[in-house]
Amino acid sequence: MFLRASKRSRSEVYLYDPIGTDKEGNEITLIDILGTEPEAVFELVENFFESRRLINKMKKLSKRERIVLELRYGIGGKQRKTQREVAQFFGISRSYVSRIEKKAIKKLFQELTHNDPQL
């Protein structure tokens, strides 16, 4: 059993694991090679997981609410659109798009704060 568990983790690489030494004998880690501040790397990773969490929570919205948010905020690689452009896309008024957007954001906020053990 231990061999199977260690086999899975064999391909894992950690940013602070030593990968060699420099001319003076100091350990070099992967984070040193990346050439960026550690905080920037952590921020990128955190943003990635937060966006995955948001997209997962968006599955609980209605199809129309989800599409409105995707178009308005460029979620999922879509180009950001104005309320007027979204209204034309659906063939509805801009004020109705605004109401859908507000309702969807309120639902998302509730999902992210009340039903999430991470908070």
C-alpha atoms as a PDB file:
ATOM      1  CA  MET A   1       0.000   0.000   0.000  1.00  0.00           C
ATOM      2  CA  PHE A   2       2.817   2.395   0.879  1.00  0.00           C
ATOM      3  CA  LEU A   3       4.414   1.788  -2.528  1.00  0.00           C
ATOM      4  CA  ARG A   4       1.233   2.837  -4.330  1.00  0.00           C
ATOM      5  CA  ALA A   5       0.927   6.003  -2.237  1.00  0.00           C
ATOM      6  CA  SER A   6       4.555   6.958  -2.781  1.00  0.00           C
ATOM      7  CA  LYS A   7       4.259   6.221  -6.514  1.00  0.00           C
ATOM      8  CA  ARG A   8       1.497   8.845  -6.837  1.00  0.00           C
ATOM      9  CA  SER A   9       3.500  11.515  -5.039  1.00  0.00           C
ATOM     10  CA  ARG A  10       6.696  10.801  -6.950  1.00  0.00           C
ATOM     11  CA  SER A  11       5.698  13.191  -9.736  1.00  0.00           C
ATOM     12  CA  GLU A  12       4.842  16.045  -7.355  1.00  0.00           C
ATOM     13  CA  VAL A  13       7.177  19.034  -7.362  1.00  0.00           C
ATOM     14  CA  TYR A  14       7.233  21.621  -4.608  1.00  0.00           C
ATOM     15  CA  LEU A  15       8.410  25.195  -5.056  1.00  0.00           C
ATOM     16  CA  TYR A  16      10.715  25.087  -2.041  1.00  0.00           C
ATOM     17  CA  ASP A  17      12.308  21.668  -2.623  1.00  0.00           C
ATOM     18  CA  PRO A  18      16.057  21.927  -3.249  1.00  0.00           C
ATOM     19  CA  ILE A  19      16.983  21.177  -6.864  1.00  0.00           C
ATOM     20  CA  GLY A  20      20.720  21.867  -6.708  1.00  0.00           C
ATOM     21  CA  THR A  21      23.396  24.199  -5.428  1.00  0.00           C
ATOM     22  CA  ASP A  22      24.987  27.379  -6.754  1.00  0.00           C
ATOM     23  CA  LYS A  23      28.736  28.162  -7.044  1.00  0.00           C
ATOM     24  CA  GLU A  24      28.968  29.080  -3.352  1.00  0.00           C
ATOM     25  CA  GLY A  25      27.238  25.872  -2.212  1.00  0.00           C
ATOM     26  CA  ASN A  26      23.880  27.486  -1.394  1.00  0.00           C
ATOM     27  CA  GLU A  27      20.779  25.428  -2.091  1.00  0.00           C
ATOM     28  CA  ILE A  28      18.737  26.476  -5.122  1.00  0.00           C
ATOM     29  CA  THR A  29      14.993  25.896  -5.087  1.00  0.00           C
ATOM     30  CA  LEU A  30      12.506  25.911  -7.936  1.00  0.00           C
ATOM     31  CA  ILE A  31      11.096  29.240  -6.739  1.00  0.00           C
ATOM     32  CA  ASP A  32      14.585  30.752  -7.195  1.00  0.00           C
ATOM     33  CA  ILE A  33      14.736  29.528 -10.796  1.00  0.00           C
ATOM     34  CA  LEU A  34      11.295  30.844 -11.687  1.00  0.00           C
ATOM     35  CA  GLY A  35      12.644  34.366 -11.307  1.00  0.00           C
ATOM     36  CA  THR A  36       9.577  35.863  -9.708  1.00  0.00           C
ATOM     37  CA  GLU A  37       8.621  36.906  -6.230  1.00  0.00           C
ATOM     38  CA  PRO A  38       7.146  34.040  -4.171  1.00  0.00           C
ATOM     39  CA  GLU A  39       4.096  36.157  -3.376  1.00  0.00           C
ATOM     40  CA  ALA A  40       3.323  36.485  -7.095  1.00  0.00           C
ATOM     41  CA  VAL A  41       3.389  32.713  -7.548  1.00  0.00           C
ATOM     42  CA  PHE A  42       1.117  32.188  -4.547  1.00  0.00           C
ATOM     43  CA  GLU A  43      -1.255  34.850  -5.847  1.00  0.00           C
ATOM     44  CA  LEU A  44      -1.479  33.145  -9.253  1.00  0.00           C
ATOM     45  CA  VAL A  45      -2.189  29.787  -7.643  1.00  0.00           C
ATOM     46  CA  GLU A  46      -4.766  31.297  -5.291  1.00  0.00           C
ATOM     47  CA  ASN A  47      -6.507  33.097  -8.177  1.00  0.00           C
ATOM     48  CA  PHE A  48      -6.624  29.860 -10.153  1.00  0.00           C
ATOM     49  CA  PHE A  49      -8.327  27.965  -7.335  1.00  0.00           C
ATOM     50  CA  GLU A  50     -10.694  30.834  -6.525  1.00  0.00           C
ATOM     51  CA  SER A  51     -11.830  31.025 -10.160  1.00  0.00           C
ATOM     52  CA  ARG A  52     -12.396  27.261 -10.223  1.00  0.00           C
ATOM     53  CA  ARG A  53     -14.448  27.598  -7.045  1.00  0.00           C
ATOM     54  CA  LEU A  54     -16.499  30.424  -8.567  1.00  0.00           C
ATOM     55  CA  ILE A  55     -17.163  28.492 -11.786  1.00  0.00           C
ATOM     56  CA  ASN A  56     -18.213  25.476  -9.737  1.00  0.00           C
ATOM     57  CA  LYS A  57     -20.673  27.593  -7.737  1.00  0.00           C
ATOM     58  CA  MET A  58     -22.022  29.150 -10.945  1.00  0.00           C
ATOM     59  CA  LYS A  59     -23.391  25.723 -11.908  1.00  0.00           C
ATOM     60  CA  LYS A  60     -26.138  26.318  -9.337  1.00  0.00           C
ATOM     61  CA  LEU A  61     -27.428  29.365 -11.241  1.00  0.00           C
ATOM     62  CA  SER A  62     -30.027  29.132 -13.976  1.00  0.00           C
ATOM     63  CA  LYS A  63     -28.693  28.889 -17.515  1.00  0.00           C
ATOM     64  CA  ARG A  64     -29.721  32.461 -18.298  1.00  0.00           C
ATOM     65  CA  GLU A  65     -28.139  33.858 -15.111  1.00  0.00           C
ATOM     66  CA  ARG A  66     -24.929  31.960 -15.808  1.00  0.00           C
ATOM     67  CA  ILE A  67     -24.704  33.209 -19.409  1.00  0.00           C
ATOM     68  CA  VAL A  68     -25.418  36.810 -18.353  1.00  0.00           C
ATOM     69  CA  LEU A  69     -22.556  36.714 -15.817  1.00  0.00           C
ATOM     70  CA  GLU A  70     -20.207  35.003 -18.268  1.00  0.00           C
ATOM     71  CA  LEU A  71     -20.883  37.650 -20.905  1.00  0.00           C
ATOM     72  CA  ARG A  72     -20.813  40.617 -18.534  1.00  0.00           C
ATOM     73  CA  TYR A  73     -17.597  39.665 -16.742  1.00  0.00           C
ATOM     74  CA  GLY A  74     -15.734  37.630 -19.369  1.00  0.00           C
ATOM     75  CA  ILE A  75     -15.862  34.417 -17.337  1.00  0.00           C
ATOM     76  CA  GLY A  76     -14.690  31.287 -19.098  1.00  0.00           C
ATOM     77  CA  GLY A  77     -12.642  33.134 -21.694  1.00  0.00           C
ATOM     78  CA  LYS A  78     -15.593  35.013 -23.137  1.00  0.00           C
ATOM     79  CA  GLN A  79     -15.225  38.648 -24.135  1.00  0.00           C
ATOM     80  CA  ARG A  80     -16.734  41.138 -21.669  1.00  0.00           C
ATOM     81  CA  LYS A  81     -19.915  42.788 -22.909  1.00  0.00           C
ATOM     82  CA  THR A  82     -21.985  45.759 -21.797  1.00  0.00           C
ATOM     83  CA  GLN A  83     -25.519  45.342 -20.459  1.00  0.00           C
ATOM     84  CA  ARG A  84     -26.773  46.759 -23.741  1.00  0.00           C
ATOM     85  CA  GLU A  85     -24.884  44.119 -25.761  1.00  0.00           C
ATOM     86  CA  VAL A  86     -26.152  41.324 -23.488  1.00  0.00           C
ATOM     87  CA  ALA A  87     -29.695  42.681 -23.833  1.00  0.00           C
ATOM     88  CA  GLN A  88     -29.389  42.555 -27.619  1.00  0.00           C
ATOM     89  CA  PHE A  89     -28.029  39.009 -27.414  1.00  0.00           C
ATOM     90  CA  PHE A  90     -31.088  37.830 -25.447  1.00  0.00           C
ATOM     91  CA  GLY A  91     -33.589  40.179 -27.091  1.00  0.00           C
ATOM     92  CA  ILE A  92     -34.567  41.748 -23.753  1.00  0.00           C
ATOM     93  CA  SER A  93     -34.262  45.188 -22.170  1.00  0.00           C
ATOM     94  CA  ARG A  94     -31.076  46.458 -20.551  1.00  0.00           C
ATOM     95  CA  SER A  95     -32.895  46.925 -17.250  1.00  0.00           C
ATOM     96  CA  TYR A  96     -33.973  43.271 -17.308  1.00  0.00           C
ATOM     97  CA  VAL A  97     -30.327  42.257 -17.842  1.00  0.00           C
ATOM     98  CA  SER A  98     -29.451  44.399 -14.834  1.00  0.00           C
ATOM     99  CA  ARG A  99     -32.061  42.609 -12.699  1.00  0.00           C
ATOM    100  CA  ILE A 100     -30.849  39.163 -13.815  1.00  0.00           C
ATOM    101  CA  GLU A 101     -27.256  40.174 -13.115  1.00  0.00           C
ATOM    102  CA  LYS A 102     -28.032  41.477  -9.610  1.00  0.00           C
ATOM    103  CA  LYS A 103     -30.076  38.400  -8.741  1.00  0.00           C
ATOM    104  CA  ALA A 104     -27.324  36.061  -9.984  1.00  0.00           C
ATOM    105  CA  ILE A 105     -24.615  37.932  -8.056  1.00  0.00           C
ATOM    106  CA  LYS A 106     -26.736  37.765  -4.893  1.00  0.00           C
ATOM    107  CA  LYS A 107     -27.194  33.993  -5.335  1.00  0.00           C
ATOM    108  CA  LEU A 108     -23.462  33.530  -5.910  1.00  0.00           C
ATOM    109  CA  PHE A 109     -22.610  35.597  -2.862  1.00  0.00           C
ATOM    110  CA  GLN A 110     -24.907  33.453  -0.727  1.00  0.00           C
ATOM    111  CA  GLU A 111     -23.437  30.254  -2.157  1.00  0.00           C
ATOM    112  CA  LEU A 112     -19.875  31.410  -1.574  1.00  0.00           C
ATOM    113  CA  THR A 113     -20.422  32.656   1.977  1.00  0.00           C
ATOM    114  CA  HIS A 114     -23.142  30.553   3.579  1.00  0.00           C
ATOM    115  CA  ASN A 115     -22.704  27.105   2.051  1.00  0.00           C
ATOM    116  CA  ASP A 116     -18.927  26.971   1.937  1.00  0.00           C
ATOM    117  CA  PRO A 117     -16.972  25.422   4.830  1.00  0.00           C
ATOM    118  CA  GLN A 118     -13.792  27.224   3.651  1.00  0.00           C
ATOM    119  CA  LEU A 119     -15.075  30.559   4.971  1.00  0.00           C
END
